[in-house]
Amino acid sequence: MTLMPQNSADLEADTAVGIPARRPAPPAWLIVAVACAGQFLVVLDVSVVNVALPSMRADLGLSPTGLQWVVNAYSIAFAGFMLLGGRAGDLFGRKRMFLVGLGLFTLASLAGGLAQDDWQLLAARAVQGLGAAVLAPSTLTILTSAVPEGAARARAIATWTAVGAGGGAAGGLVGGVLTEGLNWRWVLLINVPLGAVVLTAAARWIRESRAGGERRLDLPGALLVTAGTATLAYAVVQTEAEGWGAATTLVPLGIALALIAGFLIVEARTRLPLMPLGLFRVRSVAAANAAMFVCGMGSFAMWFFMTLYAQNVLGYTPIEAGLALVPSSLAVVAGSKIAPRLMPKFGARNVAVAGVLVTAAGFAWQSTMSADGSYVTTIMLPGIVMMAGAGFAMTPLASLATSGAAPGHAGLVSGLVNTSRTLGGSLGLAILSTVAASRSAGAADPAALTRGYAGAFLCGAGILVLAVLVLLTWMPRRFPPGD
């Protein structure tokens, strides 16, 4: 919870009797800005390294598998530790976990930027992912704690959603500019001054909050869910290189499912569970996370395939490819900011459904791309439709996923939202990459590549229609105004 500022008379009285005057609570917008800055850094690093991978390979002598793990080491650690990071914030303090996570993230960025061997870079990326997993749930929890539930919170969540989506969108442009203008190391080193600024601001302005009750972490549950989600993420990323039927995919997938099943058994029996299973009896929480997972499956790969299409088919440079997606980045921000204005009138559920339908329409449009397409009709306009719809949908989904939970579970629910989106995105990228590879049949000419990318976008549109069905059949129809 947030502390209310004292009035001047109270401050004078405290000083008169020798009690140090407390600094007035900062305005909510300042706390929202700091929390969103942390979220921006986390999401930016999911995609910022993509355009720098060839330079990393040339400099450090990375193998093709090692190159893949520059991305995967971050995403697996990020997904695997998210629930633990969210619950740790509830028990030990959201501000404390924000500072710890951002500190780890910043130091790991420094280590990665200075890496001299491939193993050093991969280790740094894994620690970056761990720091991000601790940091990300706290960003949303700090924001929802600072802003009362209702229209104001919906607007704050819209800002958080827009900044997060903007971070993913800006990754290609930022990575291209830094790689071509300086070198690949600055893709990671840029986080050091930015992280230091956000750390200083957070230490000064964010007030500490945590759940009441016993401060005891469910260690068996934490170990099982962390190992289970990390192994599941590993199995998913293996599919791109090994395929779905390979033993190197099926074995970790089976282990992951067994670990997650063990986690559910432990949570049903322990006195203070890491994740109270009753949380999923709240329909808005369960349905919103399911929809977030499916939406992530369908839409997360958009930036990946659009960048590949621009560079591999249309011949854009990394900077040109990043600039080409700027209108899409602006569209996702606009969609995120418009959504809370409509939620009180039409309901969060209906706004989310409309947003996902618009996104699906954009994906279907993008699937009509051609090898000699023009920028306006094959990148800019369908990209704007896709990302405006995504921004329109994510704000109400995040609001629904957090509005029905008890305050003591705020960090856990925030971690669950991020985990659903991240795991869904990882699974979707693997599925759509398989579709693209099968449609292109191993050929690397522009026509074959375009055929593969178009198939991936059409499959993404189908997955997004499934997300609409989840919302229509599972999500409650009515919520309090402003939710």
Protein backbone atom coordinates (compact mmCIF):
# COMPACT_ATOMS: atom_id res chain seq x y z
CA MET A 1 0.00 0.00 0.00
CA THR A 2 1.09 3.60 -0.43
CA LEU A 3 1.74 6.08 2.36
CA MET A 4 -0.32 9.27 2.39
CA PRO A 5 1.65 12.50 2.60
CA GLN A 6 1.50 14.39 5.88
CA ASN A 7 0.21 17.92 5.96
CA SER A 8 2.43 20.83 7.04
CA ALA A 9 1.02 20.97 10.57
CA ASP A 10 1.85 17.30 11.14
CA LEU A 11 5.38 17.83 9.82
CA GLU A 12 5.93 20.81 12.13
CA ALA A 13 4.57 18.88 15.14
CA ASP A 14 6.85 15.92 14.45
CA THR A 15 9.88 18.21 14.18
CA ALA A 16 8.97 20.04 17.39
CA VAL A 17 9.00 16.83 19.47
CA GLY A 18 12.20 15.55 17.89
CA ILE A 19 10.64 13.05 15.46
CA PRO A 20 12.30 13.23 12.04
CA ALA A 21 9.79 14.45 9.49
CA ARG A 22 8.91 11.89 6.83
CA ARG A 23 9.38 12.96 3.26
CA PRO A 24 5.99 13.42 1.55
CA ALA A 25 4.96 10.56 -0.72
CA PRO A 26 5.89 11.25 -4.35
CA PRO A 27 3.08 11.72 -6.88
CA ALA A 28 1.70 8.52 -8.36
CA TRP A 29 2.77 9.46 -11.89
CA LEU A 30 6.42 9.49 -10.77
CA ILE A 31 6.16 5.97 -9.32
CA VAL A 32 4.42 4.80 -12.51
CA ALA A 33 7.24 6.31 -14.59
CA VAL A 34 9.96 4.51 -12.59
CA ALA A 35 8.11 1.18 -12.70
CA CYS A 36 7.57 1.51 -16.45
CA ALA A 37 11.24 2.34 -17.00
CA GLY A 38 12.18 -0.95 -15.34
CA GLN A 39 9.69 -2.83 -17.51
CA PHE A 40 11.05 -1.14 -20.65
CA LEU A 41 14.58 -2.39 -19.95
CA VAL A 42 13.36 -5.94 -19.31
CA VAL A 43 11.35 -6.20 -22.54
CA LEU A 44 13.93 -4.35 -24.64
CA ASP A 45 16.54 -7.01 -23.93
CA VAL A 46 14.32 -9.79 -25.21
CA SER A 47 14.75 -8.46 -28.77
CA VAL A 48 17.60 -5.94 -28.81
CA VAL A 49 20.32 -8.55 -29.40
CA ASN A 50 18.69 -10.02 -32.53
CA VAL A 51 20.31 -7.69 -35.05
CA ALA A 52 23.66 -7.87 -33.21
CA LEU A 53 23.94 -11.67 -33.44
CA PRO A 54 26.06 -11.78 -36.63
CA SER A 55 28.55 -9.33 -35.09
CA MET A 56 28.67 -11.35 -31.86
CA ARG A 57 29.34 -14.51 -33.85
CA ALA A 58 32.20 -12.92 -35.80
CA ASP A 59 33.83 -11.40 -32.72
CA LEU A 60 33.55 -14.30 -30.25
CA GLY A 61 33.50 -17.22 -32.66
CA LEU A 62 30.07 -18.44 -31.60
CA SER A 63 28.72 -21.60 -33.18
CA PRO A 64 25.19 -21.56 -34.68
CA THR A 65 23.95 -23.31 -31.53
CA GLY A 66 25.78 -20.83 -29.30
CA LEU A 67 24.24 -17.98 -31.26
CA GLN A 68 20.77 -19.35 -30.59
CA TRP A 69 21.58 -19.56 -26.88
CA VAL A 70 22.44 -15.86 -26.69
CA VAL A 71 18.68 -15.36 -26.99
CA ASN A 72 17.53 -18.54 -25.24
CA ALA A 73 19.68 -18.16 -22.10
CA TYR A 74 17.86 -14.91 -21.34
CA SER A 75 14.34 -16.10 -22.18
CA ILE A 76 14.61 -19.42 -20.30
CA ALA A 77 15.90 -17.80 -17.09
CA PHE A 78 13.30 -15.05 -17.48
CA ALA A 79 10.40 -17.49 -17.80
CA GLY A 80 11.70 -19.97 -15.23
CA PHE A 81 12.17 -17.59 -12.30
CA MET A 82 9.19 -15.26 -12.88
CA LEU A 83 6.73 -16.81 -10.42
CA LEU A 84 9.43 -17.06 -7.76
CA GLY A 85 10.36 -13.43 -8.35
CA GLY A 86 6.75 -12.31 -8.02
CA ARG A 87 6.17 -14.22 -4.77
CA ALA A 88 9.47 -13.00 -3.31
CA GLY A 89 8.22 -9.44 -3.86
CA ASP A 90 5.02 -10.20 -1.93
CA LEU A 91 6.93 -11.70 1.00
CA PHE A 92 10.11 -9.65 1.24
CA GLY A 93 9.13 -6.31 -0.28
CA ARG A 94 8.33 -5.16 -3.82
CA LYS A 95 10.76 -2.26 -3.74
CA ARG A 96 13.52 -4.51 -2.43
CA MET A 97 12.99 -7.04 -5.22
CA PHE A 98 12.80 -4.25 -7.81
CA LEU A 99 16.22 -2.99 -6.67
CA VAL A 100 17.74 -6.49 -6.43
CA GLY A 101 16.43 -7.51 -9.85
CA LEU A 102 17.53 -4.29 -11.55
CA GLY A 103 20.93 -4.46 -9.85
CA LEU A 104 21.48 -8.03 -11.12
CA PHE A 105 20.26 -7.05 -14.58
CA THR A 106 22.59 -4.04 -14.77
CA LEU A 107 25.69 -5.89 -13.54
CA ALA A 108 25.01 -8.79 -15.91
CA SER A 109 24.68 -6.32 -18.80
CA LEU A 110 28.11 -4.93 -17.93
CA ALA A 111 29.60 -8.45 -17.79
CA GLY A 112 28.02 -9.38 -21.12
CA GLY A 113 29.24 -6.22 -22.81
CA LEU A 114 32.80 -6.94 -21.64
CA ALA A 115 32.71 -10.70 -22.42
CA GLN A 116 35.81 -12.10 -24.12
CA ASP A 117 34.61 -15.68 -24.60
CA ASP A 118 31.30 -17.19 -25.68
CA TRP A 119 30.65 -18.85 -22.31
CA GLN A 120 31.02 -15.51 -20.54
CA LEU A 121 28.40 -13.94 -22.80
CA LEU A 122 25.97 -16.83 -22.32
CA ALA A 123 26.41 -16.79 -18.53
CA ALA A 124 25.82 -13.03 -18.47
CA ARG A 125 22.65 -13.40 -20.52
CA ALA A 126 21.33 -16.05 -18.11
CA VAL A 127 21.96 -13.79 -15.11
CA GLN A 128 20.29 -10.93 -17.03
CA GLY A 129 17.22 -13.16 -17.40
CA LEU A 130 17.26 -13.97 -13.68
CA GLY A 131 17.43 -10.29 -12.80
CA ALA A 132 14.60 -9.55 -15.23
CA ALA A 133 12.45 -12.30 -13.66
CA VAL A 134 12.86 -10.71 -10.22
CA LEU A 135 12.33 -7.19 -11.56
CA ALA A 136 9.40 -7.61 -13.97
CA PRO A 137 6.66 -8.73 -11.51
CA SER A 138 7.58 -5.88 -9.15
CA THR A 139 7.08 -3.28 -11.88
CA LEU A 140 3.38 -4.09 -12.25
CA THR A 141 2.82 -4.64 -8.51
CA ILE A 142 4.43 -1.32 -7.56
CA LEU A 143 2.25 0.40 -10.14
CA THR A 144 -1.01 -1.20 -8.96
CA SER A 145 -0.10 -0.48 -5.32
CA ALA A 146 0.49 3.20 -6.08
CA VAL A 147 -2.73 3.79 -8.05
CA PRO A 148 -6.23 3.03 -6.66
CA GLU A 149 -8.32 0.45 -8.50
CA GLY A 150 -10.58 1.97 -11.16
CA ALA A 151 -10.13 4.22 -14.17
CA ALA A 152 -6.85 5.70 -12.92
CA ARG A 153 -5.31 2.26 -12.49
CA ALA A 154 -6.53 1.22 -15.94
CA ARG A 155 -4.72 4.23 -17.42
CA ALA A 156 -1.57 3.38 -15.47
CA ILE A 157 -1.69 -0.24 -16.66
CA ALA A 158 -2.18 1.09 -20.20
CA THR A 159 1.05 3.06 -19.83
CA TRP A 160 2.84 -0.04 -18.48
CA THR A 161 1.53 -2.12 -21.40
CA ALA A 162 2.50 0.52 -23.96
CA VAL A 163 5.99 0.92 -22.54
CA GLY A 164 6.51 -2.85 -22.45
CA ALA A 165 5.29 -3.30 -26.01
CA GLY A 166 7.35 -0.30 -27.08
CA GLY A 167 10.43 -1.91 -25.56
CA GLY A 168 9.93 -5.01 -27.67
CA ALA A 169 9.28 -2.91 -30.75
CA ALA A 170 12.28 -0.63 -30.15
CA GLY A 171 14.68 -3.56 -29.77
CA GLY A 172 15.38 -3.91 -33.49
CA LEU A 173 15.93 -0.19 -34.02
CA VAL A 174 18.06 0.32 -30.91
CA GLY A 175 20.09 -2.80 -31.65
CA GLY A 176 20.65 -1.75 -35.25
CA VAL A 177 21.73 1.78 -34.38
CA LEU A 178 24.13 0.65 -31.65
CA THR A 179 25.59 -2.23 -33.67
CA GLU A 180 26.19 -0.19 -36.83
CA GLY A 181 27.11 3.07 -35.07
CA LEU A 182 29.37 1.60 -32.34
CA ASN A 183 29.62 -2.19 -31.99
CA TRP A 184 27.59 -5.11 -30.66
CA ARG A 185 28.87 -4.67 -27.09
CA TRP A 186 26.87 -1.46 -26.70
CA VAL A 187 23.65 -3.43 -27.15
CA LEU A 188 24.35 -4.66 -23.60
CA LEU A 189 26.48 -1.82 -22.20
CA ILE A 190 23.72 0.74 -22.83
CA ASN A 191 21.82 -0.88 -19.96
CA VAL A 192 24.48 0.15 -17.45
CA PRO A 193 23.89 3.94 -17.39
CA LEU A 194 20.15 3.47 -17.92
CA GLY A 195 19.96 0.91 -15.10
CA ALA A 196 21.94 3.19 -12.77
CA VAL A 197 19.51 6.08 -13.39
CA VAL A 198 16.42 3.90 -12.76
CA LEU A 199 18.04 2.36 -9.65
CA THR A 200 18.69 5.80 -8.19
CA ALA A 201 15.15 6.97 -8.94
CA ALA A 202 13.60 3.80 -7.50
CA ALA A 203 15.65 3.99 -4.30
CA ARG A 204 14.55 7.58 -3.78
CA TRP A 205 10.88 7.59 -4.76
CA ILE A 206 9.37 4.10 -4.51
CA ARG A 207 7.88 3.23 -1.10
CA GLU A 208 8.24 -0.29 0.25
CA SER A 209 5.21 -2.58 0.41
CA ARG A 210 4.67 -6.29 0.98
CA ALA A 211 1.95 -8.74 1.90
CA GLY A 212 1.10 -9.21 5.55
CA GLY A 213 1.41 -12.46 7.42
CA GLU A 214 4.21 -14.98 7.82
CA ARG A 215 7.30 -14.34 5.72
CA ARG A 216 8.00 -17.92 4.72
CA LEU A 217 8.87 -19.01 1.19
CA ASP A 218 7.54 -22.34 -0.04
CA LEU A 219 10.97 -23.68 -1.02
CA PRO A 220 9.87 -27.08 -2.45
CA GLY A 221 7.21 -25.36 -4.55
CA ALA A 222 9.66 -22.68 -5.65
CA LEU A 223 12.23 -25.27 -6.76
CA LEU A 224 9.66 -27.37 -8.61
CA VAL A 225 7.98 -24.52 -10.49
CA THR A 226 11.27 -22.83 -11.37
CA ALA A 227 12.79 -26.08 -12.65
CA GLY A 228 9.54 -26.99 -14.42
CA THR A 229 9.02 -23.70 -16.25
CA ALA A 230 12.71 -23.37 -17.14
CA THR A 231 12.76 -26.94 -18.51
CA LEU A 232 9.53 -26.30 -20.42
CA ALA A 233 11.05 -23.16 -21.95
CA TYR A 234 14.16 -25.18 -22.85
CA ALA A 235 12.06 -27.88 -24.52
CA VAL A 236 10.17 -25.26 -26.52
CA VAL A 237 13.30 -23.55 -27.85
CA GLN A 238 14.77 -26.96 -28.78
CA THR A 239 11.96 -27.47 -31.28
CA GLU A 240 13.36 -24.81 -33.63
CA ALA A 241 16.62 -26.70 -34.13
CA GLU A 242 15.62 -30.31 -33.41
CA GLY A 243 11.91 -30.54 -34.29
CA TRP A 244 8.93 -31.63 -32.19
CA GLY A 245 9.55 -35.37 -32.48
CA ALA A 246 13.22 -35.43 -31.47
CA ALA A 247 14.28 -37.02 -28.19
CA THR A 248 16.11 -33.80 -27.26
CA THR A 249 12.70 -32.10 -27.30
CA LEU A 250 10.43 -34.84 -25.94
CA VAL A 251 12.61 -35.80 -22.95
CA PRO A 252 12.84 -32.30 -21.43
CA LEU A 253 9.16 -31.76 -22.26
CA GLY A 254 8.23 -34.87 -20.28
CA ILE A 255 10.48 -33.84 -17.39
CA ALA A 256 8.92 -30.36 -17.40
CA LEU A 257 5.38 -31.74 -17.24
CA ALA A 258 6.35 -34.08 -14.38
CA LEU A 259 7.94 -31.20 -12.42
CA ILE A 260 4.89 -28.98 -12.93
CA ALA A 261 2.59 -31.83 -11.85
CA GLY A 262 4.73 -32.27 -8.72
CA PHE A 263 4.46 -28.53 -8.09
CA LEU A 264 0.65 -28.68 -8.21
CA ILE A 265 0.61 -31.62 -5.77
CA VAL A 266 2.89 -29.77 -3.34
CA GLU A 267 0.83 -26.58 -3.59
CA ALA A 268 -2.38 -28.47 -2.82
CA ARG A 269 -0.90 -29.85 0.44
CA THR A 270 1.41 -27.17 1.85
CA ARG A 271 0.24 -24.70 4.52
CA LEU A 272 1.72 -21.59 2.90
CA PRO A 273 1.89 -22.35 -0.82
CA LEU A 274 3.92 -20.36 -3.32
CA MET A 275 0.83 -20.27 -5.55
CA PRO A 276 -2.52 -20.78 -3.80
CA LEU A 277 -4.43 -22.92 -6.29
CA GLY A 278 -7.65 -21.20 -5.22
CA LEU A 279 -6.37 -18.21 -7.16
CA PHE A 280 -7.44 -19.97 -10.35
CA ARG A 281 -11.00 -20.16 -9.07
CA VAL A 282 -11.12 -16.41 -9.72
CA ARG A 283 -12.45 -16.57 -13.28
CA SER A 284 -11.01 -13.23 -14.36
CA VAL A 285 -7.50 -14.24 -13.26
CA ALA A 286 -7.67 -17.70 -14.85
CA ALA A 287 -9.30 -16.58 -18.11
CA ALA A 288 -7.12 -13.49 -18.55
CA ASN A 289 -3.93 -15.50 -18.08
CA ALA A 290 -5.15 -18.19 -20.48
CA ALA A 291 -5.97 -15.51 -23.05
CA MET A 292 -2.61 -13.80 -22.40
CA PHE A 293 -0.85 -17.13 -23.04
CA VAL A 294 -2.69 -17.76 -26.32
CA CYS A 295 -2.29 -14.15 -27.48
CA GLY A 296 1.43 -14.41 -26.78
CA MET A 297 1.57 -17.57 -28.88
CA GLY A 298 -0.04 -15.79 -31.81
CA SER A 299 1.45 -12.32 -31.70
CA PHE A 300 4.88 -12.44 -30.01
CA ALA A 301 6.70 -13.56 -33.17
CA MET A 302 5.47 -10.55 -35.20
CA TRP A 303 8.65 -8.50 -34.67
CA PHE A 304 10.86 -11.51 -35.40
CA PHE A 305 9.29 -12.33 -38.76
CA MET A 306 8.79 -8.73 -39.83
CA THR A 307 12.49 -8.03 -39.25
CA LEU A 308 13.50 -11.15 -41.18
CA TYR A 309 11.17 -10.26 -44.05
CA ALA A 310 12.49 -6.70 -44.26
CA GLN A 311 16.16 -7.80 -44.27
CA ASN A 312 16.15 -11.19 -46.00
CA VAL A 313 13.52 -10.48 -48.66
CA LEU A 314 13.34 -6.72 -49.19
CA GLY A 315 17.08 -6.14 -48.56
CA TYR A 316 16.81 -3.60 -45.71
CA THR A 317 19.80 -2.89 -43.46
CA PRO A 318 19.33 -3.46 -39.69
CA ILE A 319 18.74 0.27 -39.13
CA GLU A 320 16.30 0.47 -42.05
CA ALA A 321 14.44 -2.57 -40.71
CA GLY A 322 14.19 -0.95 -37.28
CA LEU A 323 12.96 2.34 -38.76
CA ALA A 324 10.41 0.47 -40.87
CA LEU A 325 8.71 -0.76 -37.71
CA VAL A 326 8.50 2.63 -35.99
CA PRO A 327 4.87 3.20 -37.13
CA SER A 328 3.96 -0.18 -35.62
CA SER A 329 5.64 0.85 -32.36
CA LEU A 330 3.61 4.07 -32.28
CA ALA A 331 0.44 2.09 -33.05
CA VAL A 332 0.86 -0.22 -30.05
CA VAL A 333 1.32 2.81 -27.79
CA ALA A 334 -1.78 4.45 -29.23
CA GLY A 335 -3.86 1.29 -28.84
CA SER A 336 -2.73 0.87 -25.23
CA LYS A 337 -3.69 4.46 -24.36
CA ILE A 338 -7.08 4.38 -26.12
CA ALA A 339 -8.23 1.10 -24.48
CA PRO A 340 -8.77 2.45 -20.91
CA ARG A 341 -10.99 5.23 -22.28
CA LEU A 342 -13.35 2.63 -23.70
CA MET A 343 -13.21 0.05 -20.90
CA PRO A 344 -15.66 1.84 -18.54
CA LYS A 345 -18.25 2.15 -21.33
CA PHE A 346 -17.94 -1.18 -23.13
CA GLY A 347 -16.31 -3.39 -20.48
CA ALA A 348 -12.78 -4.75 -20.31
CA ARG A 349 -13.81 -8.11 -21.76
CA ASN A 350 -15.38 -6.61 -24.87
CA VAL A 351 -12.45 -4.24 -25.45
CA ALA A 352 -10.03 -7.17 -25.16
CA VAL A 353 -12.06 -9.21 -27.66
CA ALA A 354 -12.14 -6.30 -30.13
CA GLY A 355 -8.37 -5.81 -29.77
CA VAL A 356 -7.55 -9.47 -30.42
CA LEU A 357 -9.87 -9.52 -33.47
CA VAL A 358 -8.13 -6.45 -34.91
CA THR A 359 -4.75 -8.10 -34.31
CA ALA A 360 -5.92 -11.29 -36.05
CA ALA A 361 -7.11 -9.21 -39.02
CA GLY A 362 -3.69 -7.57 -39.23
CA PHE A 363 -1.96 -10.96 -39.18
CA ALA A 364 -4.25 -12.21 -41.94
CA TRP A 365 -3.41 -9.10 -44.00
CA GLN A 366 0.31 -9.61 -43.40
CA SER A 367 0.02 -13.19 -44.67
CA THR A 368 -0.67 -11.77 -48.16
CA MET A 369 2.90 -10.38 -48.40
CA SER A 370 4.89 -10.85 -51.59
CA ALA A 371 8.59 -11.05 -52.42
CA ASP A 372 8.46 -7.71 -54.26
CA GLY A 373 6.04 -5.93 -51.94
CA SER A 374 6.14 -2.22 -51.20
CA TYR A 375 6.87 -0.82 -47.77
CA VAL A 376 3.46 0.79 -47.29
CA THR A 377 1.29 -2.22 -48.12
CA THR A 378 3.45 -5.09 -46.87
CA ILE A 379 5.04 -3.64 -43.73
CA MET A 380 3.65 -0.32 -42.55
CA LEU A 381 -0.14 -0.66 -42.83
CA PRO A 382 -0.55 -4.31 -41.72
CA GLY A 383 2.01 -3.66 -38.97
CA ILE A 384 -0.05 -0.73 -37.69
CA VAL A 385 -3.22 -2.85 -37.63
CA MET A 386 -1.49 -5.74 -35.84
CA MET A 387 0.12 -3.62 -33.17
CA ALA A 388 -2.79 -1.24 -32.60
CA GLY A 389 -4.94 -4.30 -31.91
CA ALA A 390 -2.30 -5.82 -29.63
CA GLY A 391 -2.07 -2.63 -27.56
CA PHE A 392 -5.86 -2.46 -27.48
CA ALA A 393 -6.06 -6.02 -26.10
CA MET A 394 -3.16 -6.19 -23.63
CA THR A 395 -4.32 -3.32 -21.41
CA PRO A 396 -7.72 -4.84 -20.50
CA LEU A 397 -6.19 -8.32 -20.19
CA ALA A 398 -3.56 -7.10 -17.71
CA SER A 399 -6.25 -5.18 -15.82
CA LEU A 400 -8.54 -8.22 -15.63
CA ALA A 401 -5.71 -10.52 -14.55
CA THR A 402 -4.80 -8.29 -11.58
CA SER A 403 -8.19 -6.91 -10.50
CA GLY A 404 -9.66 -10.07 -9.00
CA ALA A 405 -6.76 -11.13 -6.76
CA ALA A 406 -6.21 -10.30 -3.09
CA PRO A 407 -3.62 -7.57 -2.37
CA GLY A 408 -1.36 -10.12 -0.69
CA HIS A 409 -1.05 -12.01 -3.98
CA ALA A 410 -0.37 -8.96 -6.15
CA GLY A 411 3.25 -9.85 -6.88
CA LEU A 412 2.40 -13.48 -7.61
CA VAL A 413 -0.37 -12.46 -10.03
CA SER A 414 1.96 -9.99 -11.74
CA GLY A 415 4.55 -12.73 -12.13
CA LEU A 416 1.85 -15.03 -13.51
CA VAL A 417 0.83 -12.43 -16.12
CA ASN A 418 4.42 -12.06 -17.32
CA THR A 419 5.01 -15.83 -17.24
CA SER A 420 1.88 -16.51 -19.29
CA ARG A 421 2.89 -13.99 -21.92
CA THR A 422 6.55 -15.09 -22.03
CA LEU A 423 5.92 -18.84 -22.18
CA GLY A 424 3.12 -18.34 -24.70
CA GLY A 425 5.42 -16.21 -26.83
CA SER A 426 8.24 -18.77 -26.68
CA LEU A 427 5.91 -21.60 -27.63
CA GLY A 428 4.37 -19.51 -30.42
CA LEU A 429 7.76 -18.58 -31.85
CA ALA A 430 8.72 -22.27 -31.96
CA ILE A 431 5.44 -23.24 -33.63
CA LEU A 432 5.48 -20.43 -36.18
CA SER A 433 9.18 -20.98 -36.96
CA THR A 434 8.35 -24.62 -37.72
CA VAL A 435 5.50 -23.49 -39.99
CA ALA A 436 7.77 -21.02 -41.79
CA ALA A 437 10.51 -23.61 -42.26
CA SER A 438 8.09 -26.21 -43.63
CA ARG A 439 6.50 -23.73 -46.06
CA SER A 440 9.88 -22.56 -47.38
CA ALA A 441 11.07 -26.20 -47.70
CA GLY A 442 14.67 -25.28 -46.88
CA ALA A 443 15.05 -22.85 -49.77
CA ALA A 444 16.62 -19.43 -49.14
CA ASP A 445 15.44 -17.48 -52.19
CA PRO A 446 13.12 -14.48 -51.57
CA ALA A 447 10.02 -16.22 -52.93
CA ALA A 448 10.47 -19.28 -50.69
CA LEU A 449 11.25 -17.20 -47.62
CA THR A 450 8.19 -15.03 -48.25
CA ARG A 451 6.03 -18.14 -48.56
CA GLY A 452 7.32 -19.35 -45.19
CA TYR A 453 6.83 -16.01 -43.42
CA ALA A 454 3.33 -15.66 -44.89
CA GLY A 455 2.41 -19.10 -43.57
CA ALA A 456 3.63 -18.13 -40.11
CA PHE A 457 1.45 -15.01 -40.09
CA LEU A 458 -1.61 -16.93 -41.25
CA CYS A 459 -1.07 -19.50 -38.49
CA GLY A 460 -0.69 -16.64 -36.00
CA ALA A 461 -4.06 -15.26 -37.10
CA GLY A 462 -5.67 -18.64 -36.41
CA ILE A 463 -4.13 -18.80 -32.93
CA LEU A 464 -5.46 -15.31 -32.16
CA VAL A 465 -8.98 -16.39 -33.16
CA LEU A 466 -8.59 -19.17 -30.56
CA ALA A 467 -7.78 -16.47 -27.97
CA VAL A 468 -11.06 -14.74 -28.86
CA LEU A 469 -12.93 -17.99 -28.19
CA VAL A 470 -11.20 -18.31 -24.80
CA LEU A 471 -12.36 -14.81 -23.86
CA LEU A 472 -15.92 -15.26 -25.08
CA THR A 473 -16.48 -18.61 -23.37
CA TRP A 474 -14.51 -18.22 -20.13
CA MET A 475 -14.19 -14.55 -19.18
CA PRO A 476 -17.04 -13.17 -17.01
CA ARG A 477 -19.25 -10.66 -18.80
CA ARG A 478 -19.52 -8.02 -16.09
CA PHE A 479 -16.95 -6.24 -13.94
CA PRO A 480 -17.07 -3.17 -11.73
CA PRO A 481 -16.85 0.11 -13.70
CA GLY A 482 -13.31 1.02 -14.63
CA ASP A 483 -11.95 -2.50 -14.26
